[in-house]
Amino acid sequence: MVAMAFAILAGIPDLTRDQYETVVKKVNESGSPAGALFHAGEKVNESGSPAGALFHAGGPIEGGYRIVEVWETREAADTFYSSPLLADAAAASPPPKIIMTWPVYGIDDGSGWQQTP
């Protein structure tokens, strides 16, 4: 089977904006400002995003936050969600509840639609 990009829709009950911003900043600061490729033993992209992360969006919903993520592969998402990097960053926030996942055939990152590998 060919590895395909992977999307996740999750809800985080009772998460506040401050908690969301704290987690996102902690995860992303791991790769900057020096462009480090590892944080606490976890590989990250030069931008600070976790390895394999293609897209992340989050926003408030009634009773918490909703996030949508796209990963290069399901394995990349699984690696991040079981990593010490996420555990450390999200220690003071409620855990995400996965609502659904699906394979991604194409993505538009603002530079035009492209088929995912």
C-alpha atoms as a PDB file:
ATOM      1  CA  MET A   1       0.000   0.000   0.000  1.00  0.00           C
ATOM      2  CA  VAL A   2       1.276   3.467  -0.901  1.00  0.00           C
ATOM      3  CA  ALA A   3       1.687   5.911   1.991  1.00  0.00           C
ATOM      4  CA  MET A   4      -0.781   8.750   1.614  1.00  0.00           C
ATOM      5  CA  ALA A   5      -1.222  12.066   3.364  1.00  0.00           C
ATOM      6  CA  PHE A   6      -3.518  11.828   6.353  1.00  0.00           C
ATOM      7  CA  ALA A   7      -6.005  14.297   7.864  1.00  0.00           C
ATOM      8  CA  ILE A   8      -7.275  14.547  11.421  1.00  0.00           C
ATOM      9  CA  LEU A   9     -10.291  16.410  12.773  1.00  0.00           C
ATOM     10  CA  ALA A  10     -10.220  16.664  16.552  1.00  0.00           C
ATOM     11  CA  GLY A  11     -11.997  18.468  19.335  1.00  0.00           C
ATOM     12  CA  ILE A  12     -10.412  19.536  22.584  1.00  0.00           C
ATOM     13  CA  PRO A  13     -13.125  20.036  25.203  1.00  0.00           C
ATOM     14  CA  ASP A  14     -12.700  22.902  27.663  1.00  0.00           C
ATOM     15  CA  LEU A  15      -9.523  24.178  25.972  1.00  0.00           C
ATOM     16  CA  THR A  16      -9.102  27.947  26.236  1.00  0.00           C
ATOM     17  CA  ARG A  17      -7.433  30.241  23.714  1.00  0.00           C
ATOM     18  CA  ASP A  18      -4.514  30.777  26.097  1.00  0.00           C
ATOM     19  CA  GLN A  19      -4.009  27.023  26.485  1.00  0.00           C
ATOM     20  CA  TYR A  20      -4.232  26.500  22.700  1.00  0.00           C
ATOM     21  CA  GLU A  21      -1.691  29.242  21.999  1.00  0.00           C
ATOM     22  CA  THR A  22       0.653  27.908  24.690  1.00  0.00           C
ATOM     23  CA  VAL A  23       0.647  24.396  23.208  1.00  0.00           C
ATOM     24  CA  VAL A  24       1.097  25.598  19.610  1.00  0.00           C
ATOM     25  CA  LYS A  25       3.919  27.953  20.570  1.00  0.00           C
ATOM     26  CA  LYS A  26       5.720  25.295  22.607  1.00  0.00           C
ATOM     27  CA  VAL A  27       5.512  22.812  19.742  1.00  0.00           C
ATOM     28  CA  ASN A  28       6.630  25.332  17.114  1.00  0.00           C
ATOM     29  CA  GLU A  29       9.386  27.051  19.101  1.00  0.00           C
ATOM     30  CA  SER A  30      11.235  23.753  19.198  1.00  0.00           C
ATOM     31  CA  GLY A  31      12.588  24.373  15.694  1.00  0.00           C
ATOM     32  CA  SER A  32      13.397  28.058  15.927  1.00  0.00           C
ATOM     33  CA  PRO A  33      15.173  30.429  15.910  1.00  0.00           C
ATOM     34  CA  ALA A  34      18.248  28.436  14.963  1.00  0.00           C
ATOM     35  CA  GLY A  35      16.384  25.997  12.706  1.00  0.00           C
ATOM     36  CA  ALA A  36      17.135  23.058  14.995  1.00  0.00           C
ATOM     37  CA  LEU A  37      16.003  19.723  13.657  1.00  0.00           C
ATOM     38  CA  PHE A  38      15.543  18.057  17.050  1.00  0.00           C
ATOM     39  CA  HIS A  39      13.804  19.026  20.272  1.00  0.00           C
ATOM     40  CA  ALA A  40      14.031  16.721  23.278  1.00  0.00           C
ATOM     41  CA  GLY A  41      15.051  13.978  20.882  1.00  0.00           C
ATOM     42  CA  GLU A  42      12.073  14.562  18.561  1.00  0.00           C
ATOM     43  CA  LYS A  43      12.657  15.501  14.934  1.00  0.00           C
ATOM     44  CA  VAL A  44      11.022  18.748  13.788  1.00  0.00           C
ATOM     45  CA  ASN A  45      10.983  20.713  10.539  1.00  0.00           C
ATOM     46  CA  GLU A  46      13.182  23.814  10.247  1.00  0.00           C
ATOM     47  CA  SER A  47      10.068  25.960  10.732  1.00  0.00           C
ATOM     48  CA  GLY A  48       9.499  24.295  14.092  1.00  0.00           C
ATOM     49  CA  SER A  49       6.546  22.206  12.948  1.00  0.00           C
ATOM     50  CA  PRO A  50       6.696  18.537  13.900  1.00  0.00           C
ATOM     51  CA  ALA A  51       8.260  16.261  11.292  1.00  0.00           C
ATOM     52  CA  GLY A  52       5.663  15.263   8.715  1.00  0.00           C
ATOM     53  CA  ALA A  53       3.224  18.065   9.544  1.00  0.00           C
ATOM     54  CA  LEU A  54       1.819  19.734   6.414  1.00  0.00           C
ATOM     55  CA  PHE A  55      -1.014  21.859   7.838  1.00  0.00           C
ATOM     56  CA  HIS A  56      -2.591  22.830  11.170  1.00  0.00           C
ATOM     57  CA  ALA A  57      -5.579  25.070  11.870  1.00  0.00           C
ATOM     58  CA  GLY A  58      -7.370  25.563  15.158  1.00  0.00           C
ATOM     59  CA  GLY A  59     -10.166  27.701  16.450  1.00  0.00           C
ATOM     60  CA  PRO A  60     -12.776  28.054  19.164  1.00  0.00           C
ATOM     61  CA  ILE A  61     -16.039  26.149  19.150  1.00  0.00           C
ATOM     62  CA  GLU A  62     -18.716  25.995  21.801  1.00  0.00           C
ATOM     63  CA  GLY A  63     -17.139  24.231  24.765  1.00  0.00           C
ATOM     64  CA  GLY A  64     -13.527  24.101  23.577  1.00  0.00           C
ATOM     65  CA  TYR A  65     -11.412  24.090  20.410  1.00  0.00           C
ATOM     66  CA  ARG A  66     -11.479  22.260  17.085  1.00  0.00           C
ATOM     67  CA  ILE A  67      -8.349  21.424  15.103  1.00  0.00           C
ATOM     68  CA  VAL A  68      -7.743  20.178  11.582  1.00  0.00           C
ATOM     69  CA  GLU A  69      -4.343  18.781  10.646  1.00  0.00           C
ATOM     70  CA  VAL A  70      -2.813  17.220   7.565  1.00  0.00           C
ATOM     71  CA  TRP A  71       0.240  14.987   7.892  1.00  0.00           C
ATOM     72  CA  GLU A  72       2.526  13.453   5.263  1.00  0.00           C
ATOM     73  CA  THR A  73       1.496   9.991   6.520  1.00  0.00           C
ATOM     74  CA  ARG A  74      -0.544   8.385   9.268  1.00  0.00           C
ATOM     75  CA  GLU A  75       2.741   7.208  10.795  1.00  0.00           C
ATOM     76  CA  ALA A  76       3.970  10.821  11.053  1.00  0.00           C
ATOM     77  CA  ALA A  77       0.783  11.795  12.891  1.00  0.00           C
ATOM     78  CA  ASP A  78       0.996   8.765  15.184  1.00  0.00           C
ATOM     79  CA  THR A  79       4.633   9.561  15.969  1.00  0.00           C
ATOM     80  CA  PHE A  80       3.778  13.143  16.925  1.00  0.00           C
ATOM     81  CA  TYR A  81       0.694  12.247  18.975  1.00  0.00           C
ATOM     82  CA  SER A  82       2.687   9.721  21.005  1.00  0.00           C
ATOM     83  CA  SER A  83       5.772  11.944  21.368  1.00  0.00           C
ATOM     84  CA  PRO A  84       7.276  13.493  24.491  1.00  0.00           C
ATOM     85  CA  LEU A  85       7.246  16.812  22.582  1.00  0.00           C
ATOM     86  CA  LEU A  86       3.428  16.885  22.506  1.00  0.00           C
ATOM     87  CA  ALA A  87       3.124  15.440  26.014  1.00  0.00           C
ATOM     88  CA  ASP A  88       5.366  18.185  27.417  1.00  0.00           C
ATOM     89  CA  ALA A  89       3.705  20.974  25.435  1.00  0.00           C
ATOM     90  CA  ALA A  90       0.166  19.891  26.283  1.00  0.00           C
ATOM     91  CA  ALA A  91       0.724  18.809  29.891  1.00  0.00           C
ATOM     92  CA  ALA A  92      -1.592  21.502  31.286  1.00  0.00           C
ATOM     93  CA  SER A  93      -4.366  21.171  28.693  1.00  0.00           C
ATOM     94  CA  PRO A  94      -7.139  18.649  28.077  1.00  0.00           C
ATOM     95  CA  PRO A  95      -6.288  15.845  25.618  1.00  0.00           C
ATOM     96  CA  PRO A  96      -7.668  16.001  22.059  1.00  0.00           C
ATOM     97  CA  LYS A  97     -10.534  13.724  21.086  1.00  0.00           C
ATOM     98  CA  ILE A  98     -10.192  12.477  17.520  1.00  0.00           C
ATOM     99  CA  ILE A  99     -13.503  12.962  15.699  1.00  0.00           C
ATOM    100  CA  MET A 100     -12.480  11.514  12.356  1.00  0.00           C
ATOM    101  CA  THR A 101      -9.528  10.794  10.101  1.00  0.00           C
ATOM    102  CA  TRP A 102      -9.264  10.328   6.337  1.00  0.00           C
ATOM    103  CA  PRO A 103      -6.699   9.899   3.553  1.00  0.00           C
ATOM    104  CA  VAL A 104      -5.835  13.081   1.661  1.00  0.00           C
ATOM    105  CA  TYR A 105      -5.472  12.968  -2.103  1.00  0.00           C
ATOM    106  CA  GLY A 106      -4.581  16.641  -2.650  1.00  0.00           C
ATOM    107  CA  ILE A 107      -3.730  19.801  -0.755  1.00  0.00           C
ATOM    108  CA  ASP A 108      -3.592  23.512  -1.534  1.00  0.00           C
ATOM    109  CA  ASP A 109      -1.152  25.284   0.782  1.00  0.00           C
ATOM    110  CA  GLY A 110      -1.745  28.683  -0.787  1.00  0.00           C
ATOM    111  CA  SER A 111       0.553  28.045  -3.724  1.00  0.00           C
ATOM    112  CA  GLY A 112      -1.975  26.003  -5.690  1.00  0.00           C
ATOM    113  CA  TRP A 113      -3.464  22.537  -5.519  1.00  0.00           C
ATOM    114  CA  GLN A 114      -1.089  19.605  -5.613  1.00  0.00           C
ATOM    115  CA  GLN A 115      -1.618  15.892  -5.406  1.00  0.00           C
ATOM    116  CA  THR A 116      -0.098  14.481  -2.241  1.00  0.00           C
ATOM    117  CA  PRO A 117       2.619  11.860  -2.606  1.00  0.00           C
END
